[in-house]
Amino acid sequence: MSLQGRISELANKHRKLDQKIEEEEKRPAADTLRLKDLKRRKLKIKEELRWLEAS
């Protein structure tokens, strides 16, 4: 996979995680453990994106 393809794939995953986080936060009884996991995964992707874009 090309560098640009990987960046595009990660950006898409980042957007999907953001949507999942928003959906979870809208729930009356949001699952804090699920939110924490989703946010952790989103941050990991963001860090990888920054690293790839700097390359």
C-alpha atoms as a PDB file:
ATOM      1  CA  MET A   1       0.000   0.000   0.000  1.00  0.00           C
ATOM      2  CA  SER A   2       1.286   3.455  -0.834  1.00  0.00           C
ATOM      3  CA  LEU A   3       1.979   6.063   1.811  1.00  0.00           C
ATOM      4  CA  GLN A   4      -0.924   8.206   0.614  1.00  0.00           C
ATOM      5  CA  GLY A   5      -3.213   5.167   0.662  1.00  0.00           C
ATOM      6  CA  ARG A   6      -2.245   4.390   4.260  1.00  0.00           C
ATOM      7  CA  ILE A   7      -2.811   8.012   5.293  1.00  0.00           C
ATOM      8  CA  SER A   8      -6.228   7.972   3.616  1.00  0.00           C
ATOM      9  CA  GLU A   9      -7.159   4.699   5.323  1.00  0.00           C
ATOM     10  CA  LEU A  10      -6.117   5.997   8.744  1.00  0.00           C
ATOM     11  CA  ALA A  11      -7.964   9.281   8.230  1.00  0.00           C
ATOM     12  CA  ASN A  12     -11.121   7.313   7.400  1.00  0.00           C
ATOM     13  CA  LYS A  13     -10.734   5.169  10.535  1.00  0.00           C
ATOM     14  CA  HIS A  14     -10.198   8.343  12.566  1.00  0.00           C
ATOM     15  CA  ARG A  15     -13.460   9.840  11.265  1.00  0.00           C
ATOM     16  CA  LYS A  16     -15.377   6.623  11.980  1.00  0.00           C
ATOM     17  CA  LEU A  17     -14.058   6.502  15.546  1.00  0.00           C
ATOM     18  CA  ASP A  18     -15.070  10.134  16.007  1.00  0.00           C
ATOM     19  CA  GLN A  19     -18.609   9.247  14.920  1.00  0.00           C
ATOM     20  CA  LYS A  20     -18.714   6.270  17.296  1.00  0.00           C
ATOM     21  CA  ILE A  21     -17.534   8.490  20.163  1.00  0.00           C
ATOM     22  CA  GLU A  22     -20.255  11.051  19.405  1.00  0.00           C
ATOM     23  CA  GLU A  23     -22.902   8.323  19.274  1.00  0.00           C
ATOM     24  CA  GLU A  24     -21.760   6.839  22.577  1.00  0.00           C
ATOM     25  CA  GLU A  25     -21.713  10.244  24.275  1.00  0.00           C
ATOM     26  CA  LYS A  26     -25.317  10.884  23.167  1.00  0.00           C
ATOM     27  CA  ARG A  27     -26.551   7.763  24.935  1.00  0.00           C
ATOM     28  CA  PRO A  28     -28.226   8.426  28.302  1.00  0.00           C
ATOM     29  CA  ALA A  29     -25.978   5.918  30.060  1.00  0.00           C
ATOM     30  CA  ALA A  30     -22.743   6.176  28.088  1.00  0.00           C
ATOM     31  CA  ASP A  31     -20.286   3.337  28.660  1.00  0.00           C
ATOM     32  CA  THR A  32     -17.238   5.116  30.054  1.00  0.00           C
ATOM     33  CA  LEU A  33     -14.938   2.150  29.429  1.00  0.00           C
ATOM     34  CA  ARG A  34     -16.008   1.975  25.776  1.00  0.00           C
ATOM     35  CA  LEU A  35     -15.537   5.737  25.425  1.00  0.00           C
ATOM     36  CA  LYS A  36     -12.073   5.523  26.929  1.00  0.00           C
ATOM     37  CA  ASP A  37     -11.118   2.723  24.525  1.00  0.00           C
ATOM     38  CA  LEU A  38     -12.499   4.552  21.490  1.00  0.00           C
ATOM     39  CA  LYS A  39     -10.654   7.741  22.424  1.00  0.00           C
ATOM     40  CA  ARG A  40      -7.427   5.829  23.008  1.00  0.00           C
ATOM     41  CA  ARG A  41      -7.696   4.180  19.589  1.00  0.00           C
ATOM     42  CA  LYS A  42      -8.479   7.534  17.961  1.00  0.00           C
ATOM     43  CA  LEU A  43      -5.428   9.137  19.579  1.00  0.00           C
ATOM     44  CA  LYS A  44      -3.189   6.265  18.451  1.00  0.00           C
ATOM     45  CA  ILE A  45      -4.388   6.720  14.863  1.00  0.00           C
ATOM     46  CA  LYS A  46      -3.872  10.485  15.087  1.00  0.00           C
ATOM     47  CA  GLU A  47      -0.299   9.977  16.264  1.00  0.00           C
ATOM     48  CA  GLU A  48       0.399   7.549  13.420  1.00  0.00           C
ATOM     49  CA  LEU A  49      -1.102  10.004  10.919  1.00  0.00           C
ATOM     50  CA  ARG A  50       1.163  12.789  12.181  1.00  0.00           C
ATOM     51  CA  TRP A  51       4.175  10.514  11.939  1.00  0.00           C
ATOM     52  CA  LEU A  52       3.331   9.415   8.382  1.00  0.00           C
ATOM     53  CA  GLU A  53       2.590  12.964   7.217  1.00  0.00           C
ATOM     54  CA  ALA A  54       5.920  14.134   8.615  1.00  0.00           C
ATOM     55  CA  SER A  55       7.755  11.406   6.657  1.00  0.00           C
END
